[in-house]
Amino acid sequence: FEKIDIESQLTGYSNAGCIVYCELDNTVKHNINALETLVNYAMDKDIPYFAINVPNDTCLECGYCDEFNDNCPECGSSHIQQLRRVTGYLTGNYTTAFNLGKQQETRMRTKHGLIKEE
C-alpha cells in the first residue's frame, strides 16, 4: 500500500497520462481477496490507471505453472513460456523478445507479496 500512497500524490502532475504498476509475486493467484483489496485501495486513492504485473511461467512439456527460472522444477524441461510485461508490452518469452536492458529491468524489479488468507 505504501507504493500506492506515494504514487497517488504524483498522478496529478502529469499532463500526458500516468499508470501505477504494482509488481506482485505469483502467490497472489492463491489470494484473490487480497488482490481485490489492493485494486479497491488504488481506486480509493484516485489512481487513474492501475495495473498489476504477476510473473507466470508455464512448462510447455508438462503444463506445470508457477514462477521458475530456466528449467521446469517438475520435469526438467527448458521448453517454458515466461509471461512478463515490460513497458506495457506483454510477451511469452522476455529473454528473447526484449533487449538486454529490458531483460535486466525485469529481473531487478521488486516484487511485493500479499498477506495470506487465514
N, C-alpha and C. Protein backbone atom coordinates (compact mmCIF):
# COMPACT_ATOMS: atom_id res chain seq x y z
N PHE A 1 0.81 -1.20 0.00
CA PHE A 1 0.00 0.00 0.00
C PHE A 1 0.85 1.26 0.00
N GLU A 2 2.05 1.16 0.54
CA GLU A 2 2.93 2.33 0.60
C GLU A 2 3.25 2.86 -0.79
N LYS A 3 3.50 1.98 -1.74
CA LYS A 3 3.79 2.39 -3.12
C LYS A 3 2.61 3.18 -3.70
N ILE A 4 1.41 2.70 -3.47
CA ILE A 4 0.22 3.38 -3.97
C ILE A 4 0.06 4.73 -3.27
N ASP A 5 0.30 4.78 -1.96
CA ASP A 5 0.21 6.04 -1.22
C ASP A 5 1.15 7.08 -1.80
N ILE A 6 2.38 6.68 -2.08
CA ILE A 6 3.38 7.62 -2.61
C ILE A 6 3.01 8.06 -4.02
N GLU A 7 2.74 7.09 -4.89
CA GLU A 7 2.49 7.42 -6.29
C GLU A 7 1.17 8.15 -6.50
N SER A 8 0.20 7.96 -5.61
CA SER A 8 -1.08 8.66 -5.75
C SER A 8 -0.91 10.17 -5.59
N GLN A 9 0.12 10.58 -4.88
CA GLN A 9 0.38 12.01 -4.70
C GLN A 9 0.99 12.65 -5.95
N LEU A 10 1.45 11.84 -6.88
CA LEU A 10 2.15 12.35 -8.06
C LEU A 10 1.32 12.30 -9.33
N THR A 11 0.23 11.55 -9.34
CA THR A 11 -0.50 11.33 -10.59
C THR A 11 -1.08 12.61 -11.19
N GLY A 12 -1.41 13.57 -10.39
CA GLY A 12 -1.99 14.81 -10.88
C GLY A 12 -1.02 15.73 -11.60
N TYR A 13 0.26 15.46 -11.52
CA TYR A 13 1.27 16.33 -12.13
C TYR A 13 1.54 16.01 -13.59
N SER A 14 1.07 14.90 -14.07
CA SER A 14 1.35 14.51 -15.45
C SER A 14 0.25 15.03 -16.37
N ASN A 15 0.67 15.69 -17.45
CA ASN A 15 -0.32 16.14 -18.43
C ASN A 15 -0.38 15.18 -19.62
N ALA A 16 0.32 14.06 -19.50
CA ALA A 16 0.35 13.09 -20.60
C ALA A 16 -0.15 11.72 -20.14
N GLY A 17 -0.84 11.68 -19.03
CA GLY A 17 -1.34 10.41 -18.52
C GLY A 17 -0.34 9.75 -17.59
N CYS A 18 -0.81 8.78 -16.87
CA CYS A 18 0.06 8.07 -15.95
C CYS A 18 -0.55 6.71 -15.62
N ILE A 19 0.29 5.81 -15.23
CA ILE A 19 -0.16 4.50 -14.80
C ILE A 19 0.69 4.08 -13.61
N VAL A 20 0.07 3.45 -12.65
CA VAL A 20 0.77 2.93 -11.49
C VAL A 20 0.80 1.41 -11.63
N TYR A 21 2.00 0.86 -11.69
CA TYR A 21 2.18 -0.59 -11.77
C TYR A 21 2.52 -1.12 -10.39
N CYS A 22 1.97 -2.25 -10.08
CA CYS A 22 2.33 -2.95 -8.85
C CYS A 22 2.83 -4.33 -9.25
N GLU A 23 4.08 -4.59 -8.95
CA GLU A 23 4.71 -5.87 -9.28
C GLU A 23 4.50 -6.82 -8.10
N LEU A 24 3.76 -7.89 -8.34
CA LEU A 24 3.46 -8.84 -7.27
C LEU A 24 4.16 -10.17 -7.52
N ASP A 25 4.40 -10.89 -6.44
CA ASP A 25 4.89 -12.26 -6.64
C ASP A 25 3.69 -13.13 -7.02
N ASN A 26 3.96 -14.32 -7.49
CA ASN A 26 2.87 -15.11 -8.04
C ASN A 26 2.00 -15.81 -6.99
N THR A 27 2.25 -15.57 -5.71
CA THR A 27 1.37 -16.14 -4.68
C THR A 27 -0.01 -15.48 -4.69
N VAL A 28 -0.14 -14.35 -5.39
CA VAL A 28 -1.41 -13.65 -5.46
C VAL A 28 -2.50 -14.53 -6.07
N LYS A 29 -2.12 -15.48 -6.90
CA LYS A 29 -3.14 -16.34 -7.52
C LYS A 29 -3.86 -17.20 -6.49
N HIS A 30 -3.31 -17.29 -5.29
CA HIS A 30 -3.94 -18.05 -4.21
C HIS A 30 -4.67 -17.14 -3.22
N ASN A 31 -4.71 -15.85 -3.50
CA ASN A 31 -5.31 -14.91 -2.55
C ASN A 31 -6.08 -13.81 -3.29
N ILE A 32 -7.18 -14.19 -3.88
CA ILE A 32 -7.97 -13.26 -4.69
C ILE A 32 -8.54 -12.13 -3.84
N ASN A 33 -8.89 -12.39 -2.59
CA ASN A 33 -9.43 -11.33 -1.73
C ASN A 33 -8.41 -10.23 -1.49
N ALA A 34 -7.16 -10.60 -1.29
CA ALA A 34 -6.11 -9.59 -1.09
C ALA A 34 -5.90 -8.80 -2.37
N LEU A 35 -5.97 -9.46 -3.51
CA LEU A 35 -5.83 -8.77 -4.79
C LEU A 35 -6.96 -7.76 -4.98
N GLU A 36 -8.16 -8.16 -4.65
CA GLU A 36 -9.31 -7.26 -4.75
C GLU A 36 -9.15 -6.07 -3.80
N THR A 37 -8.64 -6.32 -2.61
CA THR A 37 -8.39 -5.25 -1.65
C THR A 37 -7.38 -4.25 -2.21
N LEU A 38 -6.34 -4.74 -2.85
CA LEU A 38 -5.32 -3.88 -3.44
C LEU A 38 -5.91 -3.01 -4.55
N VAL A 39 -6.70 -3.60 -5.43
CA VAL A 39 -7.33 -2.84 -6.53
C VAL A 39 -8.28 -1.80 -5.96
N ASN A 40 -9.08 -2.17 -4.99
CA ASN A 40 -10.01 -1.21 -4.37
C ASN A 40 -9.26 -0.08 -3.69
N TYR A 41 -8.14 -0.39 -3.06
CA TYR A 41 -7.33 0.65 -2.41
C TYR A 41 -6.82 1.65 -3.45
N ALA A 42 -6.34 1.15 -4.57
CA ALA A 42 -5.87 2.04 -5.64
C ALA A 42 -7.01 2.91 -6.16
N MET A 43 -8.19 2.34 -6.29
CA MET A 43 -9.35 3.12 -6.73
C MET A 43 -9.71 4.20 -5.70
N ASP A 44 -9.66 3.85 -4.43
CA ASP A 44 -9.96 4.81 -3.37
C ASP A 44 -8.95 5.96 -3.34
N LYS A 45 -7.74 5.70 -3.81
CA LYS A 45 -6.69 6.73 -3.85
C LYS A 45 -6.73 7.52 -5.16
N ASP A 46 -7.76 7.31 -5.98
CA ASP A 46 -7.94 8.00 -7.26
C ASP A 46 -6.79 7.79 -8.23
N ILE A 47 -6.26 6.59 -8.25
CA ILE A 47 -5.25 6.24 -9.25
C ILE A 47 -5.98 6.12 -10.58
N PRO A 48 -5.61 6.94 -11.59
CA PRO A 48 -6.37 6.91 -12.85
C PRO A 48 -6.21 5.60 -13.63
N TYR A 49 -5.00 5.06 -13.66
CA TYR A 49 -4.75 3.79 -14.34
C TYR A 49 -3.88 2.94 -13.43
N PHE A 50 -4.34 1.75 -13.13
CA PHE A 50 -3.64 0.86 -12.21
C PHE A 50 -3.48 -0.49 -12.87
N ALA A 51 -2.28 -1.04 -12.81
CA ALA A 51 -2.02 -2.35 -13.42
C ALA A 51 -1.19 -3.19 -12.47
N ILE A 52 -1.42 -4.47 -12.55
CA ILE A 52 -0.71 -5.43 -11.72
C ILE A 52 0.08 -6.36 -12.62
N ASN A 53 1.35 -6.52 -12.31
CA ASN A 53 2.20 -7.46 -13.02
C ASN A 53 2.46 -8.66 -12.12
N VAL A 54 2.23 -9.84 -12.66
CA VAL A 54 2.46 -11.09 -11.93
C VAL A 54 3.23 -12.02 -12.86
N PRO A 55 4.43 -12.45 -12.47
CA PRO A 55 5.17 -13.38 -13.33
C PRO A 55 4.45 -14.72 -13.40
N ASN A 56 4.44 -15.28 -14.59
CA ASN A 56 3.76 -16.56 -14.77
C ASN A 56 4.53 -17.39 -15.78
N ASP A 57 5.14 -18.46 -15.31
CA ASP A 57 5.90 -19.35 -16.18
C ASP A 57 5.12 -20.65 -16.35
N THR A 58 5.10 -21.16 -17.57
CA THR A 58 4.40 -22.41 -17.86
C THR A 58 5.32 -23.34 -18.62
N CYS A 59 5.44 -24.56 -18.14
CA CYS A 59 6.21 -25.57 -18.85
C CYS A 59 5.37 -26.04 -20.03
N LEU A 60 5.94 -25.96 -21.22
CA LEU A 60 5.22 -26.37 -22.42
C LEU A 60 5.27 -27.87 -22.65
N GLU A 61 5.98 -28.58 -21.77
CA GLU A 61 6.03 -30.05 -21.86
C GLU A 61 4.99 -30.69 -20.94
N CYS A 62 5.01 -30.32 -19.64
CA CYS A 62 4.12 -30.99 -18.68
C CYS A 62 2.97 -30.10 -18.19
N GLY A 63 3.02 -28.79 -18.51
CA GLY A 63 1.95 -27.88 -18.12
C GLY A 63 2.08 -27.27 -16.74
N TYR A 64 3.18 -27.58 -16.02
CA TYR A 64 3.39 -27.01 -14.68
C TYR A 64 3.42 -25.49 -14.79
N CYS A 65 2.74 -24.81 -13.86
CA CYS A 65 2.63 -23.36 -13.91
C CYS A 65 3.01 -22.77 -12.56
N ASP A 66 4.01 -21.90 -12.56
CA ASP A 66 4.48 -21.22 -11.37
C ASP A 66 5.53 -20.22 -11.85
N GLU A 67 6.31 -19.66 -10.95
CA GLU A 67 7.45 -18.83 -11.36
C GLU A 67 8.71 -19.65 -11.15
N PHE A 68 9.47 -19.85 -12.22
CA PHE A 68 10.72 -20.59 -12.10
C PHE A 68 11.69 -20.06 -13.14
N ASN A 69 12.93 -20.50 -13.07
CA ASN A 69 13.96 -19.96 -13.94
C ASN A 69 14.03 -20.71 -15.26
N ASP A 70 15.16 -21.26 -15.58
CA ASP A 70 15.39 -21.81 -16.92
C ASP A 70 14.80 -23.19 -17.15
N ASN A 71 14.55 -23.94 -16.09
CA ASN A 71 14.06 -25.31 -16.24
C ASN A 71 12.85 -25.55 -15.35
N CYS A 72 11.95 -26.36 -15.83
CA CYS A 72 10.76 -26.73 -15.06
C CYS A 72 11.17 -27.57 -13.85
N PRO A 73 10.72 -27.19 -12.65
CA PRO A 73 11.07 -27.97 -11.46
C PRO A 73 10.36 -29.33 -11.40
N GLU A 74 9.34 -29.52 -12.22
CA GLU A 74 8.61 -30.79 -12.23
C GLU A 74 9.23 -31.82 -13.16
N CYS A 75 9.52 -31.41 -14.42
CA CYS A 75 10.00 -32.39 -15.40
C CYS A 75 11.40 -32.07 -15.93
N GLY A 76 11.94 -30.89 -15.58
CA GLY A 76 13.29 -30.52 -16.01
C GLY A 76 13.38 -29.91 -17.39
N SER A 77 12.27 -29.78 -18.08
CA SER A 77 12.28 -29.25 -19.44
C SER A 77 12.72 -27.78 -19.46
N SER A 78 13.39 -27.40 -20.52
CA SER A 78 13.75 -25.99 -20.73
C SER A 78 12.78 -25.34 -21.72
N HIS A 79 11.76 -26.06 -22.13
CA HIS A 79 10.76 -25.56 -23.08
C HIS A 79 9.65 -24.89 -22.27
N ILE A 80 9.91 -23.65 -21.86
CA ILE A 80 8.98 -22.94 -20.99
C ILE A 80 8.58 -21.60 -21.58
N GLN A 81 7.41 -21.16 -21.20
CA GLN A 81 6.91 -19.85 -21.58
C GLN A 81 7.00 -18.97 -20.34
N GLN A 82 7.66 -17.83 -20.46
CA GLN A 82 7.83 -16.92 -19.32
C GLN A 82 7.06 -15.63 -19.61
N LEU A 83 5.86 -15.55 -19.10
CA LEU A 83 4.98 -14.42 -19.36
C LEU A 83 5.39 -13.24 -18.48
N ARG A 84 5.73 -12.11 -19.13
CA ARG A 84 6.11 -10.90 -18.41
C ARG A 84 5.58 -9.69 -19.18
N ARG A 85 5.40 -8.58 -18.45
CA ARG A 85 5.05 -7.31 -19.10
C ARG A 85 6.13 -6.30 -18.75
N VAL A 86 6.66 -5.66 -19.78
CA VAL A 86 7.67 -4.62 -19.60
C VAL A 86 7.26 -3.44 -20.48
N THR A 87 7.24 -2.27 -19.91
CA THR A 87 6.87 -1.04 -20.59
C THR A 87 5.57 -1.19 -21.38
N GLY A 88 4.63 -1.90 -20.79
CA GLY A 88 3.33 -2.07 -21.43
C GLY A 88 3.25 -3.21 -22.43
N TYR A 89 4.37 -3.83 -22.75
CA TYR A 89 4.38 -4.93 -23.72
C TYR A 89 4.36 -6.26 -22.99
N LEU A 90 3.45 -7.13 -23.41
CA LEU A 90 3.32 -8.45 -22.83
C LEU A 90 3.97 -9.46 -23.77
N THR A 91 4.80 -10.33 -23.22
CA THR A 91 5.49 -11.30 -24.05
C THR A 91 5.49 -12.67 -23.40
N GLY A 92 5.57 -13.69 -24.23
CA GLY A 92 5.65 -15.06 -23.74
C GLY A 92 7.06 -15.50 -23.43
N ASN A 93 8.06 -14.73 -23.89
CA ASN A 93 9.45 -15.08 -23.58
C ASN A 93 10.28 -13.80 -23.56
N TYR A 94 10.37 -13.22 -22.39
CA TYR A 94 11.05 -11.93 -22.27
C TYR A 94 12.55 -12.03 -22.56
N THR A 95 13.13 -13.23 -22.45
CA THR A 95 14.57 -13.36 -22.68
C THR A 95 14.92 -13.30 -24.16
N THR A 96 13.95 -13.46 -25.04
CA THR A 96 14.23 -13.32 -26.47
C THR A 96 13.51 -12.11 -27.07
N ALA A 97 12.39 -11.70 -26.48
CA ALA A 97 11.61 -10.61 -27.06
C ALA A 97 12.12 -9.23 -26.68
N PHE A 98 12.80 -9.12 -25.54
CA PHE A 98 13.25 -7.82 -25.07
C PHE A 98 14.76 -7.70 -25.18
N ASN A 99 15.22 -6.45 -25.34
CA ASN A 99 16.67 -6.21 -25.36
C ASN A 99 17.25 -6.47 -23.97
N LEU A 100 18.57 -6.46 -23.88
CA LEU A 100 19.24 -6.80 -22.62
C LEU A 100 18.84 -5.87 -21.48
N GLY A 101 18.66 -4.59 -21.79
CA GLY A 101 18.27 -3.63 -20.75
C GLY A 101 16.91 -3.95 -20.16
N LYS A 102 15.94 -4.29 -21.01
CA LYS A 102 14.60 -4.64 -20.54
C LYS A 102 14.61 -5.98 -19.80
N GLN A 103 15.46 -6.91 -20.24
CA GLN A 103 15.58 -8.18 -19.52
C GLN A 103 16.11 -7.93 -18.11
N GLN A 104 17.12 -7.06 -18.01
CA GLN A 104 17.70 -6.74 -16.71
C GLN A 104 16.67 -6.04 -15.82
N GLU A 105 15.91 -5.12 -16.42
CA GLU A 105 14.86 -4.42 -15.66
C GLU A 105 13.86 -5.43 -15.09
N THR A 106 13.49 -6.41 -15.89
CA THR A 106 12.53 -7.43 -15.44
C THR A 106 13.08 -8.20 -14.25
N ARG A 107 14.33 -8.58 -14.31
CA ARG A 107 14.93 -9.36 -13.22
C ARG A 107 15.12 -8.54 -11.95
N MET A 108 15.32 -7.23 -12.08
CA MET A 108 15.62 -6.38 -10.93
C MET A 108 14.38 -5.83 -10.22
N ARG A 109 13.22 -6.05 -10.76
CA ARG A 109 12.01 -5.49 -10.17
C ARG A 109 11.78 -6.01 -8.75
N THR A 110 11.29 -5.13 -7.91
CA THR A 110 10.92 -5.51 -6.55
C THR A 110 9.52 -6.07 -6.60
N LYS A 111 9.37 -7.29 -6.14
CA LYS A 111 8.05 -7.93 -6.11
C LYS A 111 7.47 -7.80 -4.71
N HIS A 112 6.23 -7.38 -4.67
CA HIS A 112 5.53 -7.19 -3.41
C HIS A 112 4.66 -8.41 -3.14
N GLY A 113 4.70 -8.89 -1.92
CA GLY A 113 3.86 -10.02 -1.53
C GLY A 113 2.58 -9.51 -0.89
N LEU A 114 1.59 -10.36 -0.85
CA LEU A 114 0.34 -10.03 -0.19
C LEU A 114 0.19 -10.94 1.02
N ILE A 115 -0.52 -10.45 2.01
CA ILE A 115 -0.75 -11.24 3.22
C ILE A 115 -1.65 -12.42 2.86
N LYS A 116 -1.27 -13.59 3.31
CA LYS A 116 -2.05 -14.79 3.01
C LYS A 116 -3.34 -14.82 3.83
N GLU A 117 -4.38 -15.35 3.19
CA GLU A 117 -5.65 -15.50 3.89
C GLU A 117 -5.52 -16.54 4.99
N GLU A 118 -6.29 -16.36 6.05
CA GLU A 118 -6.27 -17.32 7.16
C GLU A 118 -7.48 -18.22 7.09
